Protein backbone atom coordinates (compact mmCIF):
# COMPACT_ATOMS: atom_id res chain seq x y z
CA MET A 1 160.27 54.84 26.89
CA THR A 2 156.74 56.80 25.84
CA GLU A 3 154.40 56.72 28.44
CA ALA A 4 152.35 53.53 26.43
CA LYS A 5 155.23 51.45 26.26
CA ALA A 6 155.96 52.34 30.52
CA ALA A 7 152.27 51.23 30.96
CA THR A 8 152.39 48.44 29.08
CA ALA A 9 156.04 47.37 30.67
CA LYS A 10 156.52 44.06 32.54
CA PRO A 11 157.58 44.34 36.12
CA ALA A 12 161.14 43.30 36.66
CA GLY A 13 161.19 39.01 37.44
CA PRO A 14 162.75 38.44 41.16
CA VAL A 15 166.36 37.30 39.02
CA ALA A 16 166.59 40.70 37.41
CA ARG A 17 165.57 42.20 40.98
CA ILE A 18 168.25 40.47 42.21
CA LEU A 19 171.15 41.16 39.49
CA LYS A 20 170.48 44.53 39.80
CA ASN A 21 170.49 44.75 43.53
CA ALA A 22 172.90 43.37 43.67
CA ARG A 23 175.27 45.29 40.35
CA ALA A 24 174.10 48.36 42.93
CA LEU A 25 176.50 46.87 45.73
CA VAL A 26 179.23 45.93 43.31
CA SER A 27 179.76 48.75 41.99
CA GLY A 28 180.86 50.62 44.97
CA LYS A 29 182.60 47.29 45.77
CA ALA A 30 184.18 47.88 42.61
CA VAL A 31 185.66 51.05 43.06
CA GLY A 32 186.00 49.64 46.82
CA GLY A 33 187.79 46.00 45.22
CA VAL A 34 190.21 49.34 42.80
CA LEU A 35 191.35 51.19 45.77
CA SER A 36 191.52 48.31 48.24
CA LEU A 37 193.36 46.44 46.09
CA ALA A 38 195.93 49.63 45.70
CA TYR A 39 195.90 50.37 48.72
CA LEU A 40 197.53 46.60 49.20
CA ALA A 41 200.05 46.08 46.80
CA ILE A 42 200.88 50.36 48.94
CA ALA A 43 201.43 47.97 51.66
CA ALA A 44 202.64 45.48 50.27
CA ARG A 45 205.66 47.21 48.77
CA GLY A 46 206.54 49.82 51.74
CA LEU A 47 206.50 46.98 54.35
CA GLY A 48 207.55 43.54 52.74
CA PRO A 49 205.57 40.40 53.67
CA GLU A 50 206.92 40.42 57.29
CA GLY A 51 205.33 43.71 57.72
CA MET A 52 202.12 43.48 55.83
CA GLY A 53 201.72 40.30 58.07
CA ALA A 54 202.04 42.19 61.16
CA LEU A 55 199.35 44.21 59.55
CA VAL A 56 196.57 42.02 58.46
CA LEU A 57 197.02 39.89 61.29
CA ALA A 58 196.05 42.80 64.26
CA HIS A 59 193.27 43.93 61.84
CA ALA A 60 191.94 39.97 61.67
CA TYR A 61 192.37 40.13 65.42
CA ALA A 62 189.69 42.92 65.92
CA THR A 63 187.28 41.57 63.14
CA VAL A 64 187.09 38.35 64.95
CA ILE A 65 186.65 40.20 67.69
CA ALA A 66 183.74 41.99 66.80
CA GLY A 67 181.93 38.83 64.23
CA LEU A 68 182.17 36.55 67.28
CA ALA A 69 179.85 39.15 69.39
CA ARG A 70 177.48 40.37 66.26
CA PHE A 71 174.17 39.74 65.83
CA GLN A 72 172.76 39.44 62.45
CA SER A 73 170.48 41.44 63.72
CA TRP A 74 170.00 42.90 59.82
CA GLN A 75 169.15 39.90 58.93
CA ALA A 76 166.19 40.26 61.09
CA VAL A 77 165.26 43.01 60.48
CA ILE A 78 164.90 41.76 56.92
CA ARG A 79 163.43 38.27 57.72
CA PHE A 80 160.74 39.60 60.30
CA GLY A 81 160.39 43.49 58.69
CA ALA A 82 159.52 42.68 55.06
CA PRO A 83 156.21 41.11 56.18
CA MET A 84 155.62 43.87 58.86
CA VAL A 85 156.51 46.70 56.64
CA ARG A 86 154.42 44.78 53.20
CA ASP A 87 151.29 44.61 55.85
CA GLY A 88 151.82 48.53 56.82
CA ASP A 89 152.32 47.20 60.78
CA ASP A 90 154.32 50.66 61.69
CA ALA A 91 154.01 50.18 65.57
CA ARG A 92 155.65 46.60 65.21
CA PHE A 93 158.78 47.34 62.43
CA ARG A 94 159.52 49.85 65.31
CA ASP A 95 159.58 46.86 67.84
CA LEU A 96 162.09 45.06 65.94
CA LEU A 97 163.95 47.70 65.14
CA ARG A 98 164.38 49.12 69.24
CA TYR A 99 165.11 45.50 70.18
CA THR A 100 167.22 44.76 67.32
CA ILE A 101 169.04 48.15 68.26
CA ARG A 102 169.74 47.20 71.74
CA LEU A 103 171.53 43.36 71.09
CA ASP A 104 173.70 45.76 68.55
CA ILE A 105 174.83 47.87 71.48
CA LEU A 106 175.21 44.88 73.59
CA SER A 107 177.14 43.14 71.28
CA ALA A 108 179.87 46.80 70.87
CA VAL A 109 180.32 46.23 74.56
CA VAL A 110 181.08 42.13 74.90
CA SER A 111 183.13 43.19 71.19
CA ILE A 112 184.93 45.93 73.50
CA VAL A 113 185.45 43.61 76.80
CA VAL A 114 186.62 40.27 75.09
CA ALA A 115 188.99 42.03 72.51
CA LEU A 116 190.12 44.33 75.13
CA GLY A 117 190.79 40.45 77.53
CA LEU A 118 192.83 39.11 75.07
CA ALA A 119 195.19 41.57 72.80
CA PRO A 120 197.75 39.93 75.46
CA VAL A 121 197.61 36.78 74.47
CA ALA A 122 197.51 37.75 70.87
CA ALA A 123 200.49 40.19 70.89
CA ARG A 124 202.99 37.11 71.92
CA ALA A 125 201.08 34.30 69.48
CA PHE A 126 201.22 36.91 66.40
CA GLY A 127 205.06 38.42 68.09
CA TRP A 128 203.64 41.73 67.95
CA SER A 129 206.14 44.79 68.43
CA ASP A 130 205.47 47.84 71.03
CA ASP A 131 204.11 50.42 68.66
CA ILE A 132 201.60 48.06 67.53
CA ARG A 133 200.22 46.23 71.02
CA GLY A 134 199.31 49.90 71.53
CA LEU A 135 197.88 50.74 68.38
CA ILE A 136 195.38 47.37 69.29
CA THR A 137 194.04 48.75 72.10
CA VAL A 138 192.42 51.53 70.22
CA TYR A 139 191.31 49.43 67.71
CA CYS A 140 189.47 46.96 70.80
CA PHE A 141 188.11 50.18 70.49
CA ALA A 142 187.08 50.50 67.15
CA THR A 143 185.17 46.93 67.46
CA PRO A 144 181.52 48.06 67.41
CA PHE A 145 182.11 50.48 64.44
CA LEU A 146 182.39 47.37 62.31
CA ILE A 147 179.52 45.85 64.60
CA ALA A 148 176.44 47.98 62.32
CA ALA A 149 173.63 45.36 61.32
CA THR A 150 170.91 47.65 61.99
CA PRO A 151 171.44 49.87 60.03
CA THR A 152 172.42 47.78 56.90
CA GLY A 153 169.15 45.84 57.32
CA VAL A 154 167.11 48.51 57.18
CA LEU A 155 169.10 50.10 53.18
CA ARG A 156 168.22 47.00 52.23
CA LEU A 157 164.77 45.90 53.30
CA TYR A 158 164.27 49.83 51.43
CA ASP A 159 165.94 48.80 48.05
CA LYS A 160 169.12 51.38 49.37
CA PHE A 161 171.86 49.56 47.47
CA ASN A 162 172.99 52.90 45.59
CA LEU A 163 173.43 54.64 48.50
CA LEU A 164 175.34 51.09 50.26
CA GLY A 165 177.01 50.67 47.03
CA TRP A 166 178.91 54.40 48.00
CA GLN A 167 179.05 53.68 51.90
CA LEU A 168 180.85 50.44 50.69
CA THR A 169 183.52 52.75 48.98
CA LEU A 170 184.26 54.96 52.64
CA MET A 171 186.95 52.52 53.76
CA PRO A 172 189.19 51.61 51.30
CA SER A 173 189.25 55.65 49.80
CA ILE A 174 190.56 56.56 53.26
CA ARG A 175 193.05 53.51 53.46
CA PHE A 176 194.12 54.30 50.10
CA VAL A 177 194.67 58.30 50.71
CA GLY A 178 196.04 57.44 53.44
CA ALA A 179 198.70 54.59 52.51
CA ILE A 180 200.07 56.92 49.54
CA ILE A 181 200.75 59.64 51.92
CA LEU A 182 202.41 56.63 54.42
CA TRP A 183 204.40 55.20 51.68
CA LEU A 184 206.02 58.54 50.50
CA THR A 185 206.86 59.12 54.10
CA GLU A 186 207.99 55.70 54.10
CA ALA A 187 205.94 54.85 57.79
CA SER A 188 206.38 51.75 59.93
CA VAL A 189 203.64 49.27 60.29
CA GLY A 190 202.18 51.33 62.97
CA ALA A 191 200.93 54.28 61.42
CA PHE A 192 199.79 51.81 58.54
CA LEU A 193 197.99 50.77 61.49
CA ALA A 194 196.59 53.85 62.62
CA VAL A 195 194.74 54.71 59.53
CA TRP A 196 192.72 51.39 59.36
CA ILE A 197 192.06 51.84 62.53
CA ALA A 198 190.53 55.22 61.74
CA SER A 199 188.89 54.10 58.69
CA VAL A 200 186.78 51.47 60.15
CA PHE A 201 185.66 54.27 62.88
CA VAL A 202 184.06 56.46 59.52
CA HIS A 203 182.83 53.58 57.77
CA GLY A 204 180.72 52.27 61.20
CA ALA A 205 179.41 55.35 61.94
CA SER A 206 178.04 56.78 58.24
CA LEU A 207 175.89 53.12 58.54
CA TRP A 208 174.58 54.23 60.99
CA VAL A 209 173.90 57.59 59.90
CA LEU A 210 172.01 56.81 56.99
CA GLY A 211 169.94 54.44 58.46
CA TRP A 212 168.59 56.13 61.02
CA ARG A 213 168.20 59.39 58.87
CA GLU A 214 165.95 56.85 56.66
CA LEU A 215 164.34 55.36 59.51
CA GLN A 216 163.74 59.18 60.13
CA LYS A 217 162.32 59.55 56.57
CA LYS A 218 159.57 57.43 56.77
CA ASN A 219 158.73 58.26 60.37
CA LEU A 220 159.74 55.23 62.06
CA THR A 221 162.57 55.85 63.99
CA PRO A 222 162.14 53.48 67.41
CA ASP A 223 162.69 54.44 70.73
CA VAL A 224 165.75 52.93 72.02
CA VAL A 225 165.62 53.88 75.70
CA GLY A 226 162.93 52.85 78.52
CA LYS A 227 160.51 49.78 78.56
CA ALA A 228 159.63 48.51 75.42
CA ASP A 229 155.26 48.51 74.70
CA ARG A 230 155.02 44.95 73.93
CA ALA A 231 156.86 42.21 74.41
CA ALA A 232 159.50 41.08 71.71
CA ASP A 233 158.66 38.37 69.47
CA LYS A 234 158.70 34.39 70.56
CA ALA A 235 160.58 34.02 67.34
CA TRP A 236 162.91 37.65 67.13
CA LEU A 237 166.28 35.97 69.60
CA PRO A 238 166.52 32.41 68.61
CA PHE A 239 167.01 33.32 65.20
CA MET A 240 169.62 35.72 65.40
CA ILE A 241 171.48 33.68 67.81
CA LYS A 242 171.19 30.79 65.06
CA THR A 243 172.15 33.40 62.28
CA ASN A 244 174.84 34.57 65.21
CA LEU A 245 176.57 31.60 65.79
CA SER A 246 176.33 30.74 61.43
CA SER A 247 178.40 33.97 61.02
CA SER A 248 180.85 34.02 63.61
CA ILE A 249 181.15 30.37 62.00
CA THR A 250 181.53 31.90 58.95
CA LEU A 251 184.39 33.68 60.27
CA MET A 252 186.25 30.45 59.91
CA HIS A 253 186.31 30.94 55.88
CA ASP A 254 188.32 34.04 55.92
CA ASN A 255 189.90 35.59 59.32
CA VAL A 256 190.46 32.69 61.84
CA PRO A 257 192.64 30.70 59.07
CA LEU A 258 194.62 34.20 58.09
CA LEU A 259 194.94 33.73 62.12
CA ILE A 260 196.50 30.51 62.26
CA VAL A 261 198.55 30.75 59.43
CA GLY A 262 200.41 33.64 61.13
CA GLY A 263 200.21 32.11 64.28
CA VAL A 264 202.14 28.54 63.39
CA LEU A 265 203.62 29.70 60.66
CA GLY A 266 204.48 33.24 61.40
CA PRO A 267 203.63 37.03 59.64
CA ALA A 268 205.26 36.72 56.39
CA ALA A 269 203.27 33.63 55.49
CA ALA A 270 200.01 35.61 56.38
CA GLY A 271 201.16 38.67 54.61
CA LEU A 272 201.33 35.69 51.34
CA PHE A 273 197.91 34.20 52.28
CA LYS A 274 196.46 37.67 52.60
CA LEU A 275 197.37 38.25 49.19
CA ALA A 276 196.47 36.44 47.85
CA PHE A 277 192.86 36.63 49.46
CA ASN A 278 192.05 40.47 48.81
CA LEU A 279 193.01 40.00 45.05
CA ALA A 280 190.41 37.05 44.62
CA ASN A 281 188.26 39.47 46.69
CA VAL A 282 187.82 40.75 43.00
CA LEU A 283 185.30 38.16 42.41
CA ALA A 284 184.54 37.58 46.56
CA GLN A 285 183.31 41.31 46.87
CA PRO A 286 180.19 40.96 43.84
CA VAL A 287 179.68 37.03 45.54
CA SER A 288 178.66 39.20 48.93
CA MET A 289 176.94 41.73 47.69
CA PHE A 290 174.87 38.99 45.03
CA ASN A 291 173.94 37.04 48.32
CA GLN A 292 173.18 39.88 49.76
CA ALA A 293 170.97 41.19 47.28
CA SER A 294 169.17 38.05 47.02
CA PHE A 295 168.34 37.09 50.41
CA PRO A 296 165.44 40.54 50.26
CA GLU A 297 163.96 39.24 47.28
CA LEU A 298 163.60 35.85 48.17
CA SER A 299 162.47 36.64 51.50
CA LYS A 300 159.86 38.19 49.46
CA ILE A 301 159.30 35.48 47.29
CA GLU A 302 158.71 32.88 49.87
CA ALA A 303 156.02 34.85 51.78
CA ASP A 304 153.72 35.93 48.81
CA LYS A 305 154.52 32.28 45.94
CA GLY A 306 156.24 29.87 48.06
CA VAL A 307 158.84 27.78 48.83
CA ARG A 308 158.65 25.84 45.63
CA ALA A 309 158.85 29.60 43.44
CA MET A 310 161.77 30.75 45.80
CA ALA A 311 164.26 27.86 45.53
CA ARG A 312 163.24 27.97 41.65
CA VAL A 313 165.02 31.77 41.56
CA ALA A 314 167.84 30.75 44.14
CA PHE A 315 168.66 27.95 41.38
CA GLN A 316 168.63 30.58 38.49
CA SER A 317 170.02 32.77 40.82
CA ILE A 318 173.83 30.86 41.62
CA GLY A 319 173.84 29.21 38.21
CA THR A 320 173.72 33.10 36.42
CA ALA A 321 176.39 34.53 38.88
CA ILE A 322 178.48 31.41 37.95
CA LEU A 323 178.22 31.65 34.60
CA ILE A 324 180.11 35.69 34.67
CA ALA A 325 182.50 34.67 37.24
CA LEU A 326 183.86 32.16 35.13
CA PRO A 327 185.69 33.94 32.59
CA VAL A 328 187.37 36.08 35.50
CA VAL A 329 188.27 33.04 37.91
CA ALA A 330 190.01 31.88 33.84
CA VAL A 331 192.19 34.90 34.02
CA PHE A 332 192.79 35.00 37.91
CA PHE A 333 194.67 31.20 37.62
CA LEU A 334 196.54 31.88 33.53
CA LEU A 335 197.90 35.21 35.19
CA ARG A 336 199.04 34.51 38.38
CA ARG A 337 201.96 34.97 38.89
CA GLN A 338 202.08 38.54 36.77
CA LEU A 339 199.21 39.38 39.87
CA ALA A 340 201.45 38.45 43.03
CA VAL A 341 204.59 40.39 41.44
CA GLY A 342 202.30 43.58 40.37
CA VAL A 343 200.84 44.10 43.41
CA GLY A 344 203.72 42.77 46.30
CA GLY A 345 206.90 43.33 44.42
CA GLU A 346 208.80 40.09 43.24
CA GLU A 347 208.77 39.46 47.53
CA PHE A 348 205.52 38.05 46.92
CA ALA A 349 206.06 35.82 43.99
CA ALA A 350 205.11 33.16 46.37
CA ALA A 351 202.02 33.66 46.47
CA ALA A 352 200.93 32.60 42.72
CA PRO A 353 199.58 29.45 43.18
CA LEU A 354 197.43 30.76 46.62
CA ILE A 355 195.83 33.53 43.78
CA ALA A 356 194.45 30.62 41.00
CA LEU A 357 193.47 28.86 44.65
CA MET A 358 191.83 31.62 45.95
CA ALA A 359 189.87 32.28 42.88
CA PHE A 360 188.77 28.90 41.95
CA ALA A 361 187.35 28.59 45.50
CA GLN A 362 184.73 31.57 44.87
CA LEU A 363 182.81 29.19 42.81
CA PHE A 364 182.42 27.23 45.10
CA GLN A 365 181.40 30.66 47.54
CA ILE A 366 178.72 31.37 44.88
CA ALA A 367 177.34 28.70 45.41
CA SER A 368 177.37 27.96 49.36
CA LEU A 369 175.99 31.82 49.82
CA GLY A 370 173.24 31.43 47.06
CA LEU A 371 171.65 28.50 48.74
CA GLU A 372 172.70 30.18 52.89
CA SER A 373 170.16 33.29 51.54
CA ALA A 374 166.94 30.70 49.83
CA VAL A 375 167.60 28.26 53.53
CA LEU A 376 167.72 31.72 55.63
CA ALA A 377 164.56 32.78 53.72
CA ARG A 378 162.48 29.24 54.10
CA GLY A 379 163.30 30.49 57.79
CA ARG A 380 166.12 27.69 58.58
CA ALA A 381 168.46 28.83 60.20
CA GLY A 382 169.35 26.03 62.26
CA TRP A 383 170.14 24.09 59.56
CA ALA A 384 172.08 27.04 58.62
CA LEU A 385 174.18 26.96 61.33
CA THR A 386 174.60 23.15 61.55
CA GLY A 387 175.74 23.54 57.64
CA GLN A 388 177.96 25.59 58.47
CA ILE A 389 179.22 23.83 62.22
CA ALA A 390 180.46 20.84 59.69
CA ALA A 391 181.68 22.91 57.00
CA ALA A 392 183.92 24.78 60.23
CA PHE A 393 184.73 21.40 61.17
CA ALA A 394 186.26 20.06 57.66
CA HIS A 395 187.94 23.72 57.28
CA LEU A 396 189.82 23.86 60.20
CA GLY A 397 190.24 19.65 60.51
CA PHE A 398 191.69 20.19 56.68
CA LEU A 399 194.26 22.71 57.97
CA SER A 400 195.02 21.83 60.97
CA LEU A 401 196.81 18.22 59.69
CA MET A 402 198.35 19.40 55.97
CA LEU A 403 198.91 23.45 57.02
CA THR A 404 202.83 22.34 58.83
CA ALA A 405 203.18 19.18 55.96
CA ILE A 406 202.69 21.53 53.11
CA GLY A 407 202.79 24.91 54.17
CA VAL A 408 200.34 27.94 53.41
CA ILE A 409 198.81 26.18 50.22
CA ALA A 410 196.97 24.10 52.91
CA ALA A 411 195.11 27.80 53.39
CA PRO A 412 192.59 27.71 50.56
CA VAL A 413 192.74 24.29 49.34
CA ALA A 414 191.04 23.61 52.97
CA ILE A 415 188.24 26.69 52.31
CA MET A 416 187.31 25.17 49.68
CA THR A 417 186.78 22.16 51.40
CA GLY A 418 184.69 23.57 54.47
CA TRP A 419 183.00 24.81 51.28
CA SER A 420 182.12 21.77 50.22
CA VAL A 421 180.72 19.87 52.46
CA LEU A 422 178.39 23.51 53.20
CA ILE A 423 176.84 23.31 50.33
CA ALA A 424 176.36 19.84 50.58
CA VAL A 425 174.08 20.60 53.90
CA LEU A 426 172.69 23.63 52.67
CA LEU A 427 171.04 21.66 49.44
CA VAL A 428 169.60 18.96 51.72
CA ALA A 429 167.76 22.08 54.33
CA LEU A 430 166.36 23.80 51.17
CA LEU A 431 165.25 20.52 48.99
CA LYS A 432 163.47 18.93 52.23
CA ALA A 433 159.99 19.07 53.08
């Protein structure tokens, strides 16, 4: 592009910026998604439905504990930090970072205590063997590395989406390499779990290193210890409590159903459901990145141009994302059995209908996550929480009623039921004056 053209080129619109940032994250998730499917296939073929079910239940247990303890401080960094960065209020931004980092530390301590306390109960419920029980104790100490919230917010706020995309490949890369070695050596479930734990440590530590380095570049590193010079804003904690509760309830749509399936129908059923769930993540991961990329942009639009402009951009972004996802959903439906057998082997053929339904559910997720970003950009975290609570009741209510009646197929149908309720509530929250 010539200098004249560059000078007259129009700046990218908000939807274009959202999609650009999402593409940067998706590039990393695309690599991670391929590697995840690869290590899932290796684990499935090496362990079978029963062994893989035990493995994924252990990981789901740690993830749920971390999710319940984790404050969504990354959202507060963006929500309250965006106007501070815009106005050049570095001192107050450091206050905010100090506050969110302390909450992350508190969350880490709580997650370890809760995970250790409930581990014996979980071991009995899921029928874990002795070698897995010992590793679960180690996994309890890895839960803080699933809570790297503040550095995530810092990197997103400063549009470091390419860096985040690269970082997102670390965990699946470690698991992929480890799974190959373990498969070749015919290792046990416990060995696979050890690799899973190591990948969590590396994932969380790398986020803190990258986030802190970005703050050092901008001379914005906060003093985490000692007494604060100024009091925290009264709006910070309520916002983070609401978003924490909202994100905790979001767990009802992924890892909690897996735990329920495993507890009621056994590890083999959990293994089938997880295979379908992870295959659907080929769609879900770009959807999640779309949401994470849209929230900062929508927050800026709401602050600069108002609610109506922000809502218009949100609907445009959601529509674009759905149109992009539709052809892939169709492919998943048509090739559901080939995908199940190709990834897991003949033992996983029963996962075919689960794959089709989980792929279709991603269309509901696109709408709900896009709307949630818009609602949070309006500062209506309470509405998002209300929607998540209603969706969780609908989801778990359907799952509880139908799981023993129709089997594991109830899990994806219950997920869609929950997403539908959430969409309805979020629409009211966004459009309400």
